[in-house]
Amino acid sequence: MNFKLFILILITLFFFSTSSILARATLIENYIDAFSFTFFRLFSGSFVLLTIIYFKEKKLALSTKENWISSFMLFLYAITFSYSYINLDAGIGALILFAVVQLFLILVALIKKESLTIQKGGGIALAFLGLFYLLFPEESFKLSFFHVFLMIIAGLAWGIYTILGKNCTNALQHTADNFTKSLLFIAIFYFLFVSQTHISFNGIVLAFISGGLTSALGYTIWYYILPQIQIITSGIIQLIVPPIAIFLGVLLLNEELTFKLFISTDIILLGIAIAILSKRKN
């Protein structure tokens, strides 16, 4: 792995992790409501991606017939992601999101008749055990199950979005198309949230950073990296995201790193790593 690729991987991991930090920081300070945060995040992401495409190809072209399901899944992921962070800590949210996405993708592979080895099954069971341990209520550690449910929906939506985009031939155009069309779903559902909206300058700035920088540029760099690394490497790299988000949450947002969070993180990531390594070997 050359030095340039290594630096790009570090930047991407930082972008992915800070998406959770920015959402939590913005919403916990009540700078902006979750719906408006989602709108400005998707809008800024669309703007940045379309700008990149224009300077690269000197033209803009959006498909009117394709990618509608992908666009809705992007919207569903973004809206449930935002609302879950009204209550969840950044690190816990990132851990639940990542675990659900990875477990969903592994289960989809099994549904497609991929062989289930003892190692793979054990890894999946271990990851679910870790997730169950995290969510199991205790007197000193309780989570809002409604907001956990929203993050689970976000993980499933992102998993479906990932599968739908697996065979795209132009990742940058595909992502820009999805970001832009997702704004239509924002408009459709606006009437459900109009009474809750409130906006501040700080909220808009943080939403633009989340959408235009950590999301749009993060996804673009990631798609640049993927062809240059093995699939197994990409899976292992993503294991680093939740610990980074947990560390940044503790450092920047004064979130508490409890013993339960520490242990459940280790169990979940170990289980997923075992399942991924087995999946790629077979």
C-alpha atoms as a PDB file:
ATOM      1  CA  MET A   1       0.000   0.000   0.000  1.00  0.00           C
ATOM      2  CA  ASN A   2       1.533   3.318  -1.064  1.00  0.00           C
ATOM      3  CA  PHE A   3       1.641   6.403   1.162  1.00  0.00           C
ATOM      4  CA  LYS A   4      -0.952   8.343  -0.864  1.00  0.00           C
ATOM      5  CA  LEU A   5      -3.484   5.524  -0.591  1.00  0.00           C
ATOM      6  CA  PHE A   6      -2.812   5.197   3.127  1.00  0.00           C
ATOM      7  CA  ILE A   7      -3.487   8.921   3.672  1.00  0.00           C
ATOM      8  CA  LEU A   8      -6.708   8.750   1.621  1.00  0.00           C
ATOM      9  CA  ILE A   9      -7.910   5.813   3.733  1.00  0.00           C
ATOM     10  CA  LEU A  10      -7.246   7.784   6.921  1.00  0.00           C
ATOM     11  CA  ILE A  11      -9.142  10.788   5.525  1.00  0.00           C
ATOM     12  CA  THR A  12     -12.094   8.594   4.546  1.00  0.00           C
ATOM     13  CA  LEU A  13     -12.274   6.938   7.957  1.00  0.00           C
ATOM     14  CA  PHE A  14     -12.186  10.365   9.587  1.00  0.00           C
ATOM     15  CA  PHE A  15     -14.996  11.602   7.311  1.00  0.00           C
ATOM     16  CA  PHE A  16     -17.187   8.567   8.028  1.00  0.00           C
ATOM     17  CA  SER A  17     -16.646   8.893  11.770  1.00  0.00           C
ATOM     18  CA  THR A  18     -17.247  12.643  11.924  1.00  0.00           C
ATOM     19  CA  SER A  19     -20.633  12.251  10.199  1.00  0.00           C
ATOM     20  CA  SER A  20     -21.923  10.862  13.492  1.00  0.00           C
ATOM     21  CA  ILE A  21     -20.095  13.502  15.541  1.00  0.00           C
ATOM     22  CA  LEU A  22     -21.492  16.393  13.490  1.00  0.00           C
ATOM     23  CA  ALA A  23     -25.048  15.077  13.630  1.00  0.00           C
ATOM     24  CA  ARG A  24     -24.943  14.521  17.379  1.00  0.00           C
ATOM     25  CA  ALA A  25     -23.203  17.845  18.111  1.00  0.00           C
ATOM     26  CA  THR A  26     -25.688  19.803  16.002  1.00  0.00           C
ATOM     27  CA  LEU A  27     -28.788  18.173  17.452  1.00  0.00           C
ATOM     28  CA  ILE A  28     -27.700  18.032  21.083  1.00  0.00           C
ATOM     29  CA  GLU A  29     -27.057  21.797  21.003  1.00  0.00           C
ATOM     30  CA  ASN A  30     -30.432  22.309  19.305  1.00  0.00           C
ATOM     31  CA  TYR A  31     -28.834  24.383  16.540  1.00  0.00           C
ATOM     32  CA  ILE A  32     -31.291  22.923  14.045  1.00  0.00           C
ATOM     33  CA  ASP A  33     -34.054  20.326  13.960  1.00  0.00           C
ATOM     34  CA  ALA A  34     -33.356  16.831  12.631  1.00  0.00           C
ATOM     35  CA  PHE A  35     -35.464  17.245   9.485  1.00  0.00           C
ATOM     36  CA  SER A  36     -33.800  20.513   8.454  1.00  0.00           C
ATOM     37  CA  PHE A  37     -30.385  19.006   9.225  1.00  0.00           C
ATOM     38  CA  THR A  38     -31.205  16.137   6.869  1.00  0.00           C
ATOM     39  CA  PHE A  39     -32.328  18.532   4.134  1.00  0.00           C
ATOM     40  CA  PHE A  40     -29.197  20.692   4.281  1.00  0.00           C
ATOM     41  CA  ARG A  41     -26.994  17.598   4.507  1.00  0.00           C
ATOM     42  CA  LEU A  42     -28.479  16.056   1.352  1.00  0.00           C
ATOM     43  CA  PHE A  43     -28.691  19.403  -0.462  1.00  0.00           C
ATOM     44  CA  SER A  44     -25.051  20.276   0.206  1.00  0.00           C
ATOM     45  CA  GLY A  45     -23.986  16.759  -0.765  1.00  0.00           C
ATOM     46  CA  SER A  46     -25.875  17.059  -4.042  1.00  0.00           C
ATOM     47  CA  PHE A  47     -24.394  20.503  -4.714  1.00  0.00           C
ATOM     48  CA  VAL A  48     -20.811  19.382  -4.106  1.00  0.00           C
ATOM     49  CA  LEU A  49     -21.134  16.204  -6.182  1.00  0.00           C
ATOM     50  CA  LEU A  50     -22.798  17.984  -9.105  1.00  0.00           C
ATOM     51  CA  THR A  51     -20.098  20.664  -8.974  1.00  0.00           C
ATOM     52  CA  ILE A  52     -17.379  18.000  -9.118  1.00  0.00           C
ATOM     53  CA  ILE A  53     -19.098  16.330 -12.081  1.00  0.00           C
ATOM     54  CA  TYR A  54     -19.496  19.649 -13.916  1.00  0.00           C
ATOM     55  CA  PHE A  55     -15.821  20.566 -13.586  1.00  0.00           C
ATOM     56  CA  LYS A  56     -14.808  17.032 -14.508  1.00  0.00           C
ATOM     57  CA  GLU A  57     -17.110  16.463 -17.497  1.00  0.00           C
ATOM     58  CA  LYS A  58     -18.196  20.035 -18.387  1.00  0.00           C
ATOM     59  CA  LYS A  59     -21.846  18.978 -18.323  1.00  0.00           C
ATOM     60  CA  LEU A  60     -24.586  17.805 -15.987  1.00  0.00           C
ATOM     61  CA  ALA A  61     -26.959  14.935 -16.664  1.00  0.00           C
ATOM     62  CA  LEU A  62     -29.420  13.321 -14.267  1.00  0.00           C
ATOM     63  CA  SER A  63     -31.417  10.185 -15.001  1.00  0.00           C
ATOM     64  CA  THR A  64     -35.187  10.558 -14.668  1.00  0.00           C
ATOM     65  CA  LYS A  65     -35.966   6.825 -14.865  1.00  0.00           C
ATOM     66  CA  GLU A  66     -33.269   5.164 -12.763  1.00  0.00           C
ATOM     67  CA  ASN A  67     -32.090   5.098  -9.143  1.00  0.00           C
ATOM     68  CA  TRP A  68     -35.395   6.055  -7.510  1.00  0.00           C
ATOM     69  CA  ILE A  69     -35.291   3.182  -5.018  1.00  0.00           C
ATOM     70  CA  SER A  70     -31.659   3.989  -4.226  1.00  0.00           C
ATOM     71  CA  SER A  71     -32.568   7.639  -3.734  1.00  0.00           C
ATOM     72  CA  PHE A  72     -35.391   6.750  -1.357  1.00  0.00           C
ATOM     73  CA  MET A  73     -33.082   4.470   0.623  1.00  0.00           C
ATOM     74  CA  LEU A  74     -30.564   7.305   0.891  1.00  0.00           C
ATOM     75  CA  PHE A  75     -33.334   9.593   2.154  1.00  0.00           C
ATOM     76  CA  LEU A  76     -34.598   6.937   4.592  1.00  0.00           C
ATOM     77  CA  TYR A  77     -31.077   6.373   5.903  1.00  0.00           C
ATOM     78  CA  ALA A  78     -30.403  10.101   6.294  1.00  0.00           C
ATOM     79  CA  ILE A  79     -33.691  10.987   8.024  1.00  0.00           C
ATOM     80  CA  THR A  80     -33.633   8.096  10.513  1.00  0.00           C
ATOM     81  CA  PHE A  81     -29.904   8.676  11.109  1.00  0.00           C
ATOM     82  CA  SER A  82     -30.613  12.293  12.060  1.00  0.00           C
ATOM     83  CA  TYR A  83     -33.594  11.605  14.304  1.00  0.00           C
ATOM     84  CA  SER A  84     -31.813   8.781  16.130  1.00  0.00           C
ATOM     85  CA  TYR A  85     -29.067  11.197  17.170  1.00  0.00           C
ATOM     86  CA  ILE A  86     -31.530  13.345  19.073  1.00  0.00           C
ATOM     87  CA  ASN A  87     -31.038  10.796  21.850  1.00  0.00           C
ATOM     88  CA  LEU A  88     -28.162   8.416  21.055  1.00  0.00           C
ATOM     89  CA  ASP A  89     -24.515   9.237  21.743  1.00  0.00           C
ATOM     90  CA  ALA A  90     -22.370   9.506  18.611  1.00  0.00           C
ATOM     91  CA  GLY A  91     -20.280   6.435  19.399  1.00  0.00           C
ATOM     92  CA  ILE A  92     -23.234   4.219  20.298  1.00  0.00           C
ATOM     93  CA  GLY A  93     -25.126   5.321  17.193  1.00  0.00           C
ATOM     94  CA  ALA A  94     -22.151   4.604  14.927  1.00  0.00           C
ATOM     95  CA  LEU A  95     -21.685   1.185  16.510  1.00  0.00           C
ATOM     96  CA  ILE A  96     -25.349   0.205  16.039  1.00  0.00           C
ATOM     97  CA  LEU A  97     -25.390   1.560  12.466  1.00  0.00           C
ATOM     98  CA  PHE A  98     -22.190  -0.223  11.474  1.00  0.00           C
ATOM     99  CA  ALA A  99     -23.206  -3.498  13.115  1.00  0.00           C
ATOM    100  CA  VAL A 100     -26.624  -3.546  11.422  1.00  0.00           C
ATOM    101  CA  VAL A 101     -25.167  -2.734   7.988  1.00  0.00           C
ATOM    102  CA  GLN A 102     -22.492  -5.411   8.166  1.00  0.00           C
ATOM    103  CA  LEU A 103     -24.802  -8.082   9.606  1.00  0.00           C
ATOM    104  CA  PHE A 104     -27.444  -7.269   6.987  1.00  0.00           C
ATOM    105  CA  LEU A 105     -24.944  -7.640   4.142  1.00  0.00           C
ATOM    106  CA  ILE A 106     -23.694 -10.939   5.552  1.00  0.00           C
ATOM    107  CA  LEU A 107     -27.264 -12.262   5.913  1.00  0.00           C
ATOM    108  CA  VAL A 108     -28.079 -11.216   2.333  1.00  0.00           C
ATOM    109  CA  ALA A 109     -25.073 -13.223   1.163  1.00  0.00           C
ATOM    110  CA  LEU A 110     -26.409 -16.235   3.055  1.00  0.00           C
ATOM    111  CA  ILE A 111     -29.866 -15.815   1.504  1.00  0.00           C
ATOM    112  CA  LYS A 112     -28.151 -15.925  -1.877  1.00  0.00           C
ATOM    113  CA  LYS A 113     -27.088 -19.483  -1.009  1.00  0.00           C
ATOM    114  CA  GLU A 114     -23.581 -18.679   0.116  1.00  0.00           C
ATOM    115  CA  SER A 115     -22.307 -21.511   2.296  1.00  0.00           C
ATOM    116  CA  LEU A 116     -22.576 -21.051   6.062  1.00  0.00           C
ATOM    117  CA  THR A 117     -19.408 -22.308   7.719  1.00  0.00           C
ATOM    118  CA  ILE A 118     -19.017 -22.838  11.454  1.00  0.00           C
ATOM    119  CA  GLN A 119     -16.626 -19.882  11.590  1.00  0.00           C
ATOM    120  CA  LYS A 120     -19.018 -17.608   9.728  1.00  0.00           C
ATOM    121  CA  GLY A 121     -22.025 -18.674  11.780  1.00  0.00           C
ATOM    122  CA  GLY A 122     -20.064 -18.248  14.985  1.00  0.00           C
ATOM    123  CA  GLY A 123     -18.999 -14.757  13.966  1.00  0.00           C
ATOM    124  CA  ILE A 124     -22.571 -13.712  13.174  1.00  0.00           C
ATOM    125  CA  ALA A 125     -23.838 -15.153  16.460  1.00  0.00           C
ATOM    126  CA  LEU A 126     -21.077 -13.376  18.394  1.00  0.00           C
ATOM    127  CA  ALA A 127     -21.895 -10.033  16.751  1.00  0.00           C
ATOM    128  CA  PHE A 128     -25.603 -10.408  17.537  1.00  0.00           C
ATOM    129  CA  LEU A 129     -24.683 -11.338  21.116  1.00  0.00           C
ATOM    130  CA  GLY A 130     -22.628  -8.153  21.418  1.00  0.00           C
ATOM    131  CA  LEU A 131     -25.472  -6.065  20.002  1.00  0.00           C
ATOM    132  CA  PHE A 132     -27.945  -7.711  22.387  1.00  0.00           C
ATOM    133  CA  TYR A 133     -25.616  -6.996  25.310  1.00  0.00           C
ATOM    134  CA  LEU A 134     -25.358  -3.332  24.271  1.00  0.00           C
ATOM    135  CA  LEU A 135     -29.134  -2.936  24.002  1.00  0.00           C
ATOM    136  CA  PHE A 136     -30.033  -4.911  27.138  1.00  0.00           C
ATOM    137  CA  PRO A 137     -31.271  -2.358  29.700  1.00  0.00           C
ATOM    138  CA  GLU A 138     -29.480  -1.927  32.997  1.00  0.00           C
ATOM    139  CA  GLU A 139     -30.056   0.465  35.876  1.00  0.00           C
ATOM    140  CA  SER A 140     -26.887   2.424  35.080  1.00  0.00           C
ATOM    141  CA  PHE A 141     -27.062   2.137  31.279  1.00  0.00           C
ATOM    142  CA  LYS A 142     -30.304   2.553  29.370  1.00  0.00           C
ATOM    143  CA  LEU A 143     -30.935   3.405  25.733  1.00  0.00           C
ATOM    144  CA  SER A 144     -34.057   4.810  24.109  1.00  0.00           C
ATOM    145  CA  PHE A 145     -35.364   1.854  22.132  1.00  0.00           C
ATOM    146  CA  PHE A 146     -37.283   4.160  19.798  1.00  0.00           C
ATOM    147  CA  HIS A 147     -34.070   5.927  18.771  1.00  0.00           C
ATOM    148  CA  VAL A 148     -32.234   2.598  18.600  1.00  0.00           C
ATOM    149  CA  PHE A 149     -35.005   1.382  16.282  1.00  0.00           C
ATOM    150  CA  LEU A 150     -34.499   4.457  14.076  1.00  0.00           C
ATOM    151  CA  MET A 151     -30.767   3.723  13.828  1.00  0.00           C
ATOM    152  CA  ILE A 152     -31.509   0.095  12.951  1.00  0.00           C
ATOM    153  CA  ILE A 153     -33.765   1.333  10.131  1.00  0.00           C
ATOM    154  CA  ALA A 154     -30.930   3.632   9.039  1.00  0.00           C
ATOM    155  CA  GLY A 155     -28.571   0.654   8.943  1.00  0.00           C
ATOM    156  CA  LEU A 156     -30.992  -1.472   6.921  1.00  0.00           C
ATOM    157  CA  ALA A 157     -31.615   1.398   4.492  1.00  0.00           C
ATOM    158  CA  TRP A 158     -27.884   1.936   4.027  1.00  0.00           C
ATOM    159  CA  GLY A 159     -27.387  -1.799   3.524  1.00  0.00           C
ATOM    160  CA  ILE A 160     -30.039  -1.874   0.789  1.00  0.00           C
ATOM    161  CA  TYR A 161     -28.546   1.284  -0.745  1.00  0.00           C
ATOM    162  CA  THR A 162     -25.160  -0.426  -0.825  1.00  0.00           C
ATOM    163  CA  ILE A 163     -26.538  -3.542  -2.529  1.00  0.00           C
ATOM    164  CA  LEU A 164     -28.456  -1.501  -5.126  1.00  0.00           C
ATOM    165  CA  GLY A 165     -25.304   0.408  -6.037  1.00  0.00           C
ATOM    166  CA  LYS A 166     -23.076  -2.636  -6.252  1.00  0.00           C
ATOM    167  CA  ASN A 167     -23.123  -2.848 -10.045  1.00  0.00           C
ATOM    168  CA  CYS A 168     -23.078   0.856 -10.918  1.00  0.00           C
ATOM    169  CA  THR A 169     -20.530   1.754 -13.580  1.00  0.00           C
ATOM    170  CA  ASN A 170     -20.077   5.416 -12.619  1.00  0.00           C
ATOM    171  CA  ALA A 171     -19.961   5.761  -8.840  1.00  0.00           C
ATOM    172  CA  LEU A 172     -19.656   9.559  -8.806  1.00  0.00           C
ATOM    173  CA  GLN A 173     -22.595  10.084 -11.172  1.00  0.00           C
ATOM    174  CA  HIS A 174     -24.636   7.425  -9.375  1.00  0.00           C
ATOM    175  CA  THR A 175     -24.075   9.056  -5.979  1.00  0.00           C
ATOM    176  CA  ALA A 176     -24.835  12.554  -7.282  1.00  0.00           C
ATOM    177  CA  ASP A 177     -28.014  11.236  -8.881  1.00  0.00           C
ATOM    178  CA  ASN A 178     -29.135   9.676  -5.606  1.00  0.00           C
ATOM    179  CA  PHE A 179     -28.338  12.733  -3.501  1.00  0.00           C
ATOM    180  CA  THR A 180     -30.223  15.020  -5.885  1.00  0.00           C
ATOM    181  CA  LYS A 181     -33.306  12.810  -6.172  1.00  0.00           C
ATOM    182  CA  SER A 182     -33.426  12.288  -2.416  1.00  0.00           C
ATOM    183  CA  LEU A 183     -34.369  15.973  -2.135  1.00  0.00           C
ATOM    184  CA  LEU A 184     -37.700  15.160  -3.773  1.00  0.00           C
ATOM    185  CA  PHE A 185     -38.531  12.835  -0.878  1.00  0.00           C
ATOM    186  CA  ILE A 186     -37.555  15.602   1.529  1.00  0.00           C
ATOM    187  CA  ALA A 187     -40.115  17.832  -0.202  1.00  0.00           C
ATOM    188  CA  ILE A 188     -42.797  15.119  -0.157  1.00  0.00           C
ATOM    189  CA  PHE A 189     -42.469  14.518   3.587  1.00  0.00           C
ATOM    190  CA  TYR A 190     -41.935  18.158   4.556  1.00  0.00           C
ATOM    191  CA  PHE A 191     -45.559  18.656   5.623  1.00  0.00           C
ATOM    192  CA  LEU A 192     -45.121  16.016   8.346  1.00  0.00           C
ATOM    193  CA  PHE A 193     -42.310  17.956   9.986  1.00  0.00           C
ATOM    194  CA  VAL A 194     -43.014  21.613   9.157  1.00  0.00           C
ATOM    195  CA  SER A 195     -44.248  22.422  12.668  1.00  0.00           C
ATOM    196  CA  GLN A 196     -40.969  21.180  14.190  1.00  0.00           C
ATOM    197  CA  THR A 197     -38.516  23.085  12.026  1.00  0.00           C
ATOM    198  CA  HIS A 198     -36.095  25.611  13.478  1.00  0.00           C
ATOM    199  CA  ILE A 199     -32.858  26.771  11.898  1.00  0.00           C
ATOM    200  CA  SER A 200     -29.773  28.679  13.021  1.00  0.00           C
ATOM    201  CA  PHE A 201     -26.614  29.745  11.211  1.00  0.00           C
ATOM    202  CA  ASN A 202     -24.488  27.265  13.192  1.00  0.00           C
ATOM    203  CA  GLY A 203     -26.904  24.467  12.364  1.00  0.00           C
ATOM    204  CA  ILE A 204     -26.780  25.188   8.629  1.00  0.00           C
ATOM    205  CA  VAL A 205     -22.971  25.373   8.634  1.00  0.00           C
ATOM    206  CA  LEU A 206     -22.610  22.046  10.452  1.00  0.00           C
ATOM    207  CA  ALA A 207     -25.175  20.391   8.162  1.00  0.00           C
ATOM    208  CA  PHE A 208     -23.300  21.677   5.095  1.00  0.00           C
ATOM    209  CA  ILE A 209     -20.022  20.326   6.462  1.00  0.00           C
ATOM    210  CA  SER A 210     -21.706  16.979   7.139  1.00  0.00           C
ATOM    211  CA  GLY A 211     -23.242  16.765   3.673  1.00  0.00           C
ATOM    212  CA  GLY A 212     -20.742  18.511   1.433  1.00  0.00           C
ATOM    213  CA  LEU A 213     -17.553  17.349   3.113  1.00  0.00           C
ATOM    214  CA  THR A 214     -17.906  14.204   5.226  1.00  0.00           C
ATOM    215  CA  SER A 215     -20.658  12.613   3.101  1.00  0.00           C
ATOM    216  CA  ALA A 216     -20.159  13.754  -0.509  1.00  0.00           C
ATOM    217  CA  LEU A 217     -16.360  13.923  -0.536  1.00  0.00           C
ATOM    218  CA  GLY A 218     -16.071  10.976   1.829  1.00  0.00           C
ATOM    219  CA  TYR A 219     -18.092   8.738  -0.500  1.00  0.00           C
ATOM    220  CA  THR A 220     -16.193  10.015  -3.555  1.00  0.00           C
ATOM    221  CA  ILE A 221     -12.787   9.275  -2.027  1.00  0.00           C
ATOM    222  CA  TRP A 222     -14.030   5.876  -0.836  1.00  0.00           C
ATOM    223  CA  TYR A 223     -15.096   4.907  -4.357  1.00  0.00           C
ATOM    224  CA  TYR A 224     -11.674   6.023  -5.592  1.00  0.00           C
ATOM    225  CA  ILE A 225     -10.004   3.793  -3.005  1.00  0.00           C
ATOM    226  CA  LEU A 226     -12.110   0.643  -3.470  1.00  0.00           C
ATOM    227  CA  PRO A 227     -10.685  -0.468  -6.854  1.00  0.00           C
ATOM    228  CA  GLN A 228      -7.174  -0.283  -5.385  1.00  0.00           C
ATOM    229  CA  ILE A 229      -7.708  -2.549  -2.385  1.00  0.00           C
ATOM    230  CA  GLN A 230      -9.002  -6.065  -1.846  1.00  0.00           C
ATOM    231  CA  ILE A 231     -12.603  -6.549  -0.790  1.00  0.00           C
ATOM    232  CA  ILE A 232     -11.496  -8.169   2.456  1.00  0.00           C
ATOM    233  CA  THR A 233      -9.350  -5.102   3.166  1.00  0.00           C
ATOM    234  CA  SER A 234     -12.300  -2.758   2.658  1.00  0.00           C
ATOM    235  CA  GLY A 235     -14.332  -4.754   5.174  1.00  0.00           C
ATOM    236  CA  ILE A 236     -11.569  -4.729   7.764  1.00  0.00           C
ATOM    237  CA  ILE A 237     -10.965  -0.997   7.246  1.00  0.00           C
ATOM    238  CA  GLN A 238     -14.595  -0.248   8.071  1.00  0.00           C
ATOM    239  CA  LEU A 239     -14.154  -1.999  11.421  1.00  0.00           C
ATOM    240  CA  ILE A 240     -12.131   1.034  12.499  1.00  0.00           C
ATOM    241  CA  VAL A 241     -14.997   3.532  12.062  1.00  0.00           C
ATOM    242  CA  PRO A 242     -17.031   2.861  15.264  1.00  0.00           C
ATOM    243  CA  PRO A 243     -13.998   3.021  17.614  1.00  0.00           C
ATOM    244  CA  ILE A 244     -12.968   6.338  16.019  1.00  0.00           C
ATOM    245  CA  ALA A 245     -16.504   7.703  16.458  1.00  0.00           C
ATOM    246  CA  ILE A 246     -16.550   6.534  20.081  1.00  0.00           C
ATOM    247  CA  PHE A 247     -13.155   8.167  20.737  1.00  0.00           C
ATOM    248  CA  LEU A 248     -14.198  11.449  19.091  1.00  0.00           C
ATOM    249  CA  GLY A 249     -17.474  11.409  21.013  1.00  0.00           C
ATOM    250  CA  VAL A 250     -15.609  11.060  24.310  1.00  0.00           C
ATOM    251  CA  LEU A 251     -13.032  13.697  23.318  1.00  0.00           C
ATOM    252  CA  LEU A 252     -15.261  16.327  21.694  1.00  0.00           C
ATOM    253  CA  LEU A 253     -18.749  15.766  23.107  1.00  0.00           C
ATOM    254  CA  ASN A 254     -17.869  14.586  26.617  1.00  0.00           C
ATOM    255  CA  GLU A 255     -19.668  11.294  26.020  1.00  0.00           C
ATOM    256  CA  GLU A 256     -19.075   8.550  28.542  1.00  0.00           C
ATOM    257  CA  LEU A 257     -17.062   5.472  27.625  1.00  0.00           C
ATOM    258  CA  THR A 258     -18.733   2.914  29.859  1.00  0.00           C
ATOM    259  CA  PHE A 259     -17.478  -0.589  30.520  1.00  0.00           C
ATOM    260  CA  LYS A 260     -20.574  -1.975  28.797  1.00  0.00           C
ATOM    261  CA  LEU A 261     -19.964   0.099  25.650  1.00  0.00           C
ATOM    262  CA  PHE A 262     -16.299  -0.926  25.592  1.00  0.00           C
ATOM    263  CA  ILE A 263     -17.053  -4.648  25.937  1.00  0.00           C
ATOM    264  CA  SER A 264     -19.996  -4.667  23.492  1.00  0.00           C
ATOM    265  CA  THR A 265     -17.894  -2.816  20.900  1.00  0.00           C
ATOM    266  CA  ASP A 266     -15.148  -5.427  21.166  1.00  0.00           C
ATOM    267  CA  ILE A 267     -17.635  -8.316  20.915  1.00  0.00           C
ATOM    268  CA  ILE A 268     -19.528  -6.877  17.914  1.00  0.00           C
ATOM    269  CA  LEU A 269     -16.422  -5.955  15.921  1.00  0.00           C
ATOM    270  CA  LEU A 270     -14.733  -9.272  16.685  1.00  0.00           C
ATOM    271  CA  GLY A 271     -17.812 -11.189  15.548  1.00  0.00           C
ATOM    272  CA  ILE A 272     -18.125  -9.208  12.321  1.00  0.00           C
ATOM    273  CA  ALA A 273     -14.396  -9.567  11.621  1.00  0.00           C
ATOM    274  CA  ILE A 274     -14.627 -13.351  12.055  1.00  0.00           C
ATOM    275  CA  ALA A 275     -17.658 -13.527   9.731  1.00  0.00           C
ATOM    276  CA  ILE A 276     -16.064 -11.308   7.063  1.00  0.00           C
ATOM    277  CA  LEU A 277     -12.764 -13.188   7.108  1.00  0.00           C
ATOM    278  CA  SER A 278     -14.623 -16.485   6.772  1.00  0.00           C
ATOM    279  CA  LYS A 279     -16.856 -15.078   4.007  1.00  0.00           C
ATOM    280  CA  ARG A 280     -13.915 -13.932   1.913  1.00  0.00           C
ATOM    281  CA  LYS A 281     -11.944 -17.129   2.391  1.00  0.00           C
ATOM    282  CA  ASN A 282     -14.846 -19.220   1.134  1.00  0.00           C
END
